[in-house]
Protein backbone atom coordinates (compact mmCIF):
# COMPACT_ATOMS: atom_id res chain seq x y z
CA MET A 1 -62.30 48.48 -5.01
CA LEU A 2 -59.80 50.89 -3.53
CA LYS A 3 -59.33 54.23 -5.29
CA THR A 4 -56.16 56.32 -5.48
CA PRO A 5 -56.19 60.09 -4.83
CA LEU A 6 -56.00 60.55 -8.63
CA HIS A 7 -59.08 58.48 -9.40
CA LYS A 8 -61.12 61.52 -10.47
CA LEU A 9 -58.31 62.61 -12.82
CA HIS A 10 -58.36 59.21 -14.51
CA LEU A 11 -62.08 59.41 -15.17
CA GLU A 12 -61.83 63.00 -16.45
CA HIS A 13 -59.21 61.89 -18.98
CA GLY A 14 -61.15 58.84 -20.18
CA GLY A 15 -59.18 56.21 -18.34
CA LYS A 16 -60.19 52.61 -19.05
CA MET A 17 -60.43 51.36 -15.49
CA VAL A 18 -59.67 47.79 -14.38
CA ASP A 19 -59.28 45.91 -11.11
CA PHE A 20 -55.57 45.69 -10.32
CA ALA A 21 -54.73 44.05 -6.99
CA GLY A 22 -57.98 45.41 -5.56
CA TRP A 23 -57.46 48.95 -6.86
CA ASP A 24 -59.52 50.68 -9.58
CA MET A 25 -56.69 51.63 -11.96
CA PRO A 26 -56.38 52.89 -15.56
CA ILE A 27 -55.07 50.30 -18.00
CA SER A 28 -54.92 53.07 -20.64
CA TYR A 29 -56.53 56.34 -21.72
CA GLY A 30 -56.71 55.33 -25.37
CA SER A 31 -53.98 53.43 -27.18
CA ILE A 32 -51.39 51.53 -25.13
CA GLN A 33 -48.99 51.76 -28.07
CA ASP A 34 -49.38 55.55 -28.26
CA GLU A 35 -48.80 55.92 -24.51
CA HIS A 36 -45.74 53.66 -24.74
CA THR A 37 -44.29 55.73 -27.60
CA GLN A 38 -45.07 58.96 -25.72
CA VAL A 39 -42.91 57.79 -22.80
CA ARG A 40 -40.05 56.64 -25.05
CA THR A 41 -39.98 59.87 -27.09
CA SER A 42 -41.17 62.57 -24.67
CA GLY A 43 -42.81 61.90 -21.30
CA GLY A 44 -45.62 60.10 -19.51
CA MET A 45 -47.09 60.25 -16.03
CA PHE A 46 -48.21 57.10 -14.22
CA ASP A 47 -50.33 56.96 -11.10
CA VAL A 48 -48.55 54.42 -8.89
CA SER A 49 -50.36 55.33 -5.68
CA HIS A 50 -51.59 51.73 -5.43
CA MET A 51 -48.07 50.63 -4.49
CA GLY A 52 -47.46 50.21 -0.77
CA ARG A 53 -45.46 52.80 1.18
CA LEU A 54 -44.23 51.55 4.55
CA LYS A 55 -42.49 53.84 7.02
CA VAL A 56 -39.89 51.99 9.13
CA THR A 57 -38.46 53.94 12.07
CA GLY A 58 -36.77 53.26 15.39
CA ARG A 59 -33.52 52.12 16.93
CA HIS A 60 -33.55 48.77 15.10
CA ALA A 61 -34.89 49.98 11.72
CA ARG A 62 -31.61 49.18 9.92
CA ARG A 63 -31.39 45.80 11.60
CA LEU A 64 -34.92 44.86 10.51
CA LEU A 65 -34.32 45.87 6.91
CA GLY A 66 -30.95 44.14 6.93
CA ARG A 67 -32.69 40.91 7.91
CA VAL A 68 -35.52 41.07 5.38
CA CYS A 69 -33.74 42.62 2.36
CA THR A 70 -31.19 41.04 0.05
CA ARG A 71 -29.21 44.30 -0.31
CA ARG A 72 -26.87 45.91 2.18
CA ILE A 73 -28.73 48.47 4.28
CA SER A 74 -25.98 49.37 6.78
CA ASP A 75 -23.90 51.30 4.26
CA MET A 76 -26.73 53.21 2.59
CA GLN A 77 -26.23 56.97 2.55
CA GLN A 78 -28.80 59.55 3.53
CA GLY A 79 -30.93 60.31 0.47
CA GLN A 80 -30.13 56.99 -1.23
CA CYS A 81 -32.59 54.41 -2.65
CA ARG A 82 -31.80 50.75 -3.17
CA TYR A 83 -33.69 48.13 -5.12
CA GLY A 84 -33.73 44.70 -3.49
CA LEU A 85 -35.75 41.59 -2.79
CA VAL A 86 -37.56 40.24 0.24
CA CYS A 87 -37.12 36.46 0.28
CA ASN A 88 -38.63 33.52 2.12
CA GLU A 89 -36.53 30.91 3.92
CA ASN A 90 -36.22 28.84 0.72
CA GLY A 91 -34.83 31.71 -1.34
CA GLY A 92 -38.10 32.39 -3.16
CA VAL A 93 -39.18 35.98 -3.67
CA LYS A 94 -41.87 37.45 -1.44
CA ASP A 95 -41.59 40.80 -3.22
CA ASP A 96 -39.19 43.24 -4.84
CA VAL A 97 -38.91 46.54 -3.03
CA LEU A 98 -37.29 49.98 -3.04
CA VAL A 99 -35.71 51.11 0.24
CA TYR A 100 -35.24 54.85 0.89
CA ARG A 101 -32.91 55.97 3.71
CA GLN A 102 -33.73 59.25 5.47
CA ASP A 103 -31.27 58.62 8.30
CA ASP A 104 -30.04 55.77 10.51
CA THR A 105 -33.45 55.28 12.14
CA ASP A 106 -35.82 56.44 9.40
CA PHE A 107 -36.56 54.48 6.21
CA LEU A 108 -39.32 54.15 3.64
CA VAL A 109 -40.01 50.89 1.80
CA VAL A 110 -42.08 50.83 -1.40
CA VAL A 111 -43.69 47.45 -2.12
CA ASN A 112 -46.00 46.02 -4.77
CA ALA A 113 -49.73 46.57 -4.33
CA SER A 114 -50.54 42.86 -4.41
CA ASN A 115 -48.02 42.12 -1.65
CA ARG A 116 -48.50 45.06 0.71
CA GLU A 117 -50.49 43.24 3.40
CA LYS A 118 -48.25 40.17 3.15
CA ILE A 119 -45.08 42.23 3.55
CA VAL A 120 -46.53 44.19 6.48
CA GLU A 121 -47.28 40.90 8.28
CA HIS A 122 -43.84 39.54 7.40
CA PHE A 123 -42.10 42.61 8.83
CA LYS A 124 -44.25 42.42 11.97
CA SER A 125 -43.37 38.76 12.47
CA VAL A 126 -39.63 39.49 12.23
CA ILE A 127 -39.97 42.45 14.61
CA ALA A 128 -41.73 40.23 17.16
CA ALA A 129 -39.48 37.18 16.71
CA GLU A 130 -36.27 39.18 17.13
CA ASP A 131 -37.61 41.63 19.74
CA LEU A 132 -36.75 44.69 17.65
CA VAL A 133 -37.49 48.29 18.60
CA VAL A 134 -39.16 49.34 15.36
CA LYS A 135 -42.27 51.32 14.46
CA LEU A 136 -43.94 50.16 11.23
CA GLU A 137 -46.47 52.55 9.70
CA ASP A 138 -48.38 51.78 6.52
CA GLN A 139 -48.70 55.20 4.85
CA THR A 140 -50.26 53.95 1.62
CA MET A 141 -53.76 55.28 2.20
CA LYS A 142 -52.75 58.79 3.21
CA THR A 143 -50.15 59.43 0.51
CA ALA A 144 -50.03 59.53 -3.27
CA MET A 145 -47.25 58.47 -5.63
CA VAL A 146 -46.70 59.34 -9.29
CA ALA A 147 -43.95 58.32 -11.71
CA ILE A 148 -43.07 60.74 -14.52
CA GLN A 149 -40.81 59.12 -17.10
CA GLY A 150 -39.33 60.05 -20.47
CA PRO A 151 -36.47 61.95 -22.15
CA LYS A 152 -38.13 65.39 -21.76
CA VAL A 153 -39.17 64.97 -18.13
CA MET A 154 -36.07 66.41 -16.48
CA ASP A 155 -36.41 69.59 -18.55
CA LEU A 156 -39.96 69.92 -17.25
CA VAL A 157 -38.92 69.30 -13.65
CA GLY A 158 -36.08 71.78 -14.06
CA ARG A 159 -38.59 74.60 -14.48
CA ILE A 160 -39.59 74.32 -10.81
CA SER A 161 -36.44 72.81 -9.25
CA THR A 162 -32.76 73.21 -10.03
CA GLU A 163 -31.83 70.47 -7.53
CA VAL A 164 -33.86 67.51 -8.81
CA PRO A 165 -32.26 67.36 -12.31
CA THR A 166 -28.83 67.12 -10.60
CA LEU A 167 -29.80 64.07 -8.53
CA LYS A 168 -27.85 60.92 -9.29
CA ARG A 169 -29.74 57.75 -10.16
CA TYR A 170 -31.23 56.06 -7.10
CA ARG A 171 -31.05 59.21 -5.01
CA PHE A 172 -33.89 61.27 -3.56
CA THR A 173 -34.49 64.63 -1.95
CA MET A 174 -37.18 66.21 0.21
CA LYS A 175 -38.92 69.33 -1.11
CA ASN A 176 -41.33 71.69 0.62
CA LEU A 177 -44.74 72.56 -0.81
CA LEU A 178 -46.52 74.96 1.55
CA ILE A 179 -46.56 73.10 4.89
CA ALA A 180 -46.13 69.65 3.35
CA LYS A 181 -43.04 67.69 2.30
CA LEU A 182 -42.59 65.86 -0.99
CA LEU A 183 -40.15 63.02 -1.57
CA VAL A 184 -38.73 63.19 -5.09
CA SER A 185 -36.58 60.28 -6.27
CA ARG A 186 -34.75 59.48 -9.51
CA THR A 187 -35.40 55.79 -10.13
CA GLY A 188 -37.83 54.28 -12.64
CA TYR A 189 -39.40 51.19 -14.14
CA THR A 190 -39.52 52.03 -17.84
CA GLY A 191 -35.91 52.19 -19.02
CA GLU A 192 -36.21 55.98 -19.31
CA ASP A 193 -35.06 58.84 -17.10
CA GLY A 194 -37.51 60.53 -14.79
CA VAL A 195 -38.72 61.00 -11.25
CA GLU A 196 -41.12 59.55 -8.72
CA VAL A 197 -42.94 61.82 -6.29
CA ILE A 198 -44.46 60.72 -2.96
CA LEU A 199 -46.61 63.29 -1.19
CA PRO A 200 -49.64 63.65 1.10
CA SER A 201 -52.90 62.80 -0.68
CA SER A 202 -54.39 66.12 0.39
CA ILE A 203 -52.06 68.19 -1.79
CA ILE A 204 -51.76 66.01 -4.90
CA ASP A 205 -54.03 68.27 -7.01
CA MET A 206 -52.08 71.40 -6.03
CA ALA A 207 -48.74 69.71 -6.70
CA LEU A 208 -49.76 68.56 -10.19
CA LYS A 209 -51.07 72.01 -11.07
CA LEU A 210 -47.70 73.49 -10.08
CA LEU A 211 -45.69 70.88 -11.99
CA PHE A 212 -47.89 70.97 -15.10
CA LYS A 213 -48.78 74.68 -15.10
CA ASP A 214 -47.49 75.02 -18.68
CA VAL A 215 -48.49 71.52 -19.81
CA ASP A 216 -51.87 70.43 -21.18
CA LEU A 217 -52.20 66.72 -20.37
CA LYS A 218 -55.10 66.47 -22.84
CA ALA A 219 -53.32 68.12 -25.77
CA GLU A 220 -52.64 66.05 -28.87
CA GLN A 221 -49.01 67.14 -28.75
CA SER A 222 -47.69 67.48 -25.20
CA ASP A 223 -44.34 66.97 -23.50
CA VAL A 224 -46.07 64.83 -20.86
CA LYS A 225 -49.31 62.85 -21.13
CA LEU A 226 -51.04 60.39 -18.86
CA ALA A 227 -50.12 56.72 -19.29
CA GLY A 228 -51.75 53.62 -17.84
CA LEU A 229 -50.69 50.24 -16.53
CA GLY A 230 -50.75 48.72 -20.03
CA ALA A 231 -47.90 50.93 -21.27
CA ARG A 232 -46.09 50.52 -17.96
CA ASP A 233 -46.02 46.75 -18.58
CA THR A 234 -44.78 46.93 -22.19
CA LEU A 235 -42.14 49.50 -21.21
CA ARG A 236 -40.77 47.42 -18.34
CA LEU A 237 -40.73 44.29 -20.52
CA GLU A 238 -38.63 46.02 -23.18
CA ALA A 239 -36.34 47.26 -20.40
CA GLY A 240 -35.94 43.72 -18.98
CA MET A 241 -37.43 44.53 -15.58
CA PRO A 242 -39.09 41.64 -13.72
CA LEU A 243 -42.66 41.81 -12.43
CA TYR A 244 -43.97 40.01 -9.37
CA GLY A 245 -46.35 37.23 -10.38
CA HIS A 246 -44.47 36.77 -13.65
CA GLU A 247 -40.66 36.73 -13.27
CA LEU A 248 -40.72 36.90 -9.46
CA GLY A 249 -42.60 34.72 -6.98
CA GLU A 250 -42.45 32.68 -3.80
CA GLU A 251 -41.69 29.50 -5.79
CA ILE A 252 -39.07 31.14 -8.02
CA ASN A 253 -35.46 31.03 -6.84
CA ALA A 254 -34.14 34.59 -6.57
CA LEU A 255 -30.85 33.66 -8.26
CA GLY A 256 -32.67 32.70 -11.44
CA CYS A 257 -34.39 36.07 -12.00
CA GLY A 258 -31.52 37.88 -13.70
CA ILE A 259 -31.07 40.47 -10.94
CA ASP A 260 -28.07 39.11 -9.07
CA PHE A 261 -26.89 42.71 -8.48
CA ALA A 262 -29.75 42.99 -5.96
CA ILE A 263 -28.62 39.93 -3.95
CA LYS A 264 -25.60 40.23 -1.65
CA LEU A 265 -24.69 36.71 -0.56
CA ASP A 266 -21.75 37.99 1.51
CA LYS A 267 -23.99 40.16 3.68
CA ASP A 268 -23.22 38.16 6.83
CA GLU A 269 -19.54 39.10 6.56
CA GLY A 270 -18.01 42.28 7.94
CA ASP A 271 -20.27 44.73 9.76
CA MET A 272 -23.55 42.82 9.27
CA PRO A 273 -23.10 39.47 11.02
CA GLU A 274 -26.71 38.33 10.52
CA PRO A 275 -27.69 36.89 7.12
CA PHE A 276 -30.87 37.98 5.40
CA ILE A 277 -33.80 35.59 5.44
CA GLY A 278 -33.26 33.11 2.62
CA GLN A 279 -29.54 33.78 2.30
CA GLU A 280 -28.41 30.31 3.35
CA ALA A 281 -30.77 28.68 0.84
CA LEU A 282 -29.46 30.93 -1.93
CA LYS A 283 -25.86 30.14 -1.00
CA ARG A 284 -26.63 26.44 -1.37
CA THR A 285 -28.15 27.13 -4.78
CA ARG A 286 -25.04 29.06 -5.81
CA ASP A 287 -22.71 26.33 -4.56
CA GLU A 288 -24.68 23.74 -6.55
CA GLY A 289 -24.06 25.70 -9.74
CA GLY A 290 -27.16 27.87 -9.75
CA PRO A 291 -30.85 27.25 -10.38
CA PRO A 292 -31.70 24.82 -13.20
CA ARG A 293 -33.52 27.55 -15.15
CA THR A 294 -32.69 31.24 -15.49
CA LEU A 295 -34.49 34.23 -16.93
CA ALA A 296 -33.94 35.04 -20.60
CA ALA A 297 -35.25 37.53 -23.16
CA PHE A 298 -36.61 36.43 -26.53
CA VAL A 299 -37.49 37.94 -29.88
CA ILE A 300 -40.13 36.08 -31.88
CA GLU A 301 -40.50 35.71 -35.63
CA GLY A 302 -43.85 36.66 -37.16
CA LYS A 303 -46.64 38.64 -35.52
CA ARG A 304 -48.00 36.31 -32.84
CA THR A 305 -47.27 37.29 -29.25
CA PRO A 306 -46.29 34.70 -26.63
CA ARG A 307 -48.29 34.66 -23.40
CA GLN A 308 -47.45 33.72 -19.83
CA GLY A 309 -47.44 29.98 -19.29
CA MET A 310 -46.59 28.92 -22.85
CA PRO A 311 -43.92 26.16 -22.97
CA ILE A 312 -40.51 26.84 -24.51
CA LYS A 313 -39.13 23.93 -26.54
CA ALA A 314 -35.84 22.85 -28.09
CA ASP A 315 -35.55 19.74 -30.27
CA GLY A 316 -39.10 18.86 -29.30
CA ASN A 317 -38.38 18.87 -25.56
CA GLU A 318 -39.78 21.36 -23.08
CA VAL A 319 -36.89 23.48 -21.80
CA GLY A 320 -38.65 26.44 -20.22
CA ILE A 321 -41.75 28.58 -19.83
CA ILE A 322 -42.79 32.07 -20.89
CA THR A 323 -43.46 34.54 -18.07
CA SER A 324 -44.33 37.73 -20.01
CA GLY A 325 -44.88 38.69 -23.64
CA CYS A 326 -46.01 41.61 -25.77
CA THR A 327 -45.59 43.17 -29.18
CA SER A 328 -42.84 45.71 -28.64
CA PRO A 329 -43.88 49.16 -29.91
CA THR A 330 -40.23 50.30 -29.92
CA LEU A 331 -38.71 47.24 -31.62
CA GLY A 332 -41.70 46.51 -33.85
CA MET A 333 -41.78 42.78 -33.12
CA PRO A 334 -43.11 40.34 -30.52
CA ILE A 335 -40.85 39.92 -27.51
CA ALA A 336 -40.96 37.89 -24.32
CA MET A 337 -39.20 36.92 -21.13
CA GLY A 338 -39.19 33.46 -19.66
CA PHE A 339 -37.22 30.85 -17.74
CA ILE A 340 -35.08 28.48 -19.80
CA ASP A 341 -32.66 25.67 -18.96
CA ARG A 342 -29.46 27.32 -17.81
CA ALA A 343 -27.30 25.65 -20.49
CA LEU A 344 -29.49 27.13 -23.25
CA ASN A 345 -29.52 30.68 -21.90
CA GLU A 346 -27.05 32.02 -24.45
CA SER A 347 -27.67 34.80 -26.94
CA GLY A 348 -28.48 33.34 -30.35
CA THR A 349 -29.99 30.08 -29.05
CA LYS A 350 -32.94 29.06 -31.29
CA VAL A 351 -36.07 27.74 -29.60
CA THR A 352 -39.78 27.43 -30.30
CA ILE A 353 -42.72 28.54 -28.17
CA ASP A 354 -45.80 26.34 -28.06
CA SER A 355 -48.81 28.66 -28.40
CA GLY A 356 -51.24 25.75 -28.48
CA ARG A 357 -52.18 26.34 -32.10
CA ALA A 358 -48.70 26.84 -33.54
CA GLU A 359 -45.00 26.69 -32.77
CA LEU A 360 -43.50 30.19 -32.71
CA ASP A 361 -39.85 30.50 -33.74
CA ALA A 362 -37.85 32.49 -31.18
CA GLU A 363 -34.29 33.41 -30.35
CA VAL A 364 -32.59 34.20 -27.04
CA ARG A 365 -31.22 37.75 -26.94
CA PRO A 366 -29.33 39.77 -24.31
CA ASN A 367 -31.59 41.22 -21.64
CA PRO A 368 -32.69 44.03 -21.70
CA LEU A 369 -33.85 44.16 -25.30
CA TYR A 370 -34.11 47.97 -25.15
CA LYS A 371 -31.54 50.44 -23.83
CA LYS A 372 -32.07 54.19 -23.65
CA PRO A 373 -30.02 56.03 -26.29
CA LYS A 374 -27.05 57.90 -24.83
């Protein structure tokens, strides 16, 4: 299995390691619920170095990304990040990505670990088919990436940088550390505030020592503690964020995933005459009234947790399928996301979930189920 530059740190802190998309990653360092609560109430650090980091440069960099991404790229500002999708010709989702704009000819694209090689080949095929002047460099193996999330994180970051806490959401800046450059962005996948840092693998230990010079990651009470992929999943589910392989996939229509803000169906109008790949298929879906099933959030009565693949029923008929489920540490009840017949996707709709051994009573609720307190 592949190992991130922080692999030794995980072992030193008792990480329970699992195979995740071919990477040896920590699912937790103890209790997933404790790590989840730590992020919601204070701060947690996730190693996300397994995610792909693709450098896209050259005269046609914007044109390539405009063709493969569902968001507008042409009007992105320097230092801006945008979340979007990469679709296939049928409007299914190849991956969800973050695009970072350095300047007109210099971009970074962060992709999911399980899709990195597929997306690299997809980009290469578009470059070749459209004769684009683009250099594509996979920087995953020579860089590291960490996500530090939680309500106390910006105070911690503010001790070493006055600029980063002033960044707007979905903005990034470049910082110098000795002779190396760090990319620090303010996005997130937990529903909490925080930062992501991308930096050369060779200086990750030095950078963490500088950031956490007054923080003991092993202390019982600490502003920031390590958190694994288990807590990352429960946090994103509470925050209503889709995950590839669950709410997103090649066979799932992008317009049914609850993230229409990330899909610009008018992209071929104005200054970007070429549609993105899959745009025409998605326009047809829109014109036909939308996909037959759309993503919904559910709260479940009792203590049993729904699992991916369980049927959703109404009046004895199957009307959907569960894509993700967990017991919510924040809400104190089982929750889930899943696709349900469009007509039933209304808050308050009562359904049941077939667990195989029992029917679980559930109710559709507005997504996300959790919102950060103001």
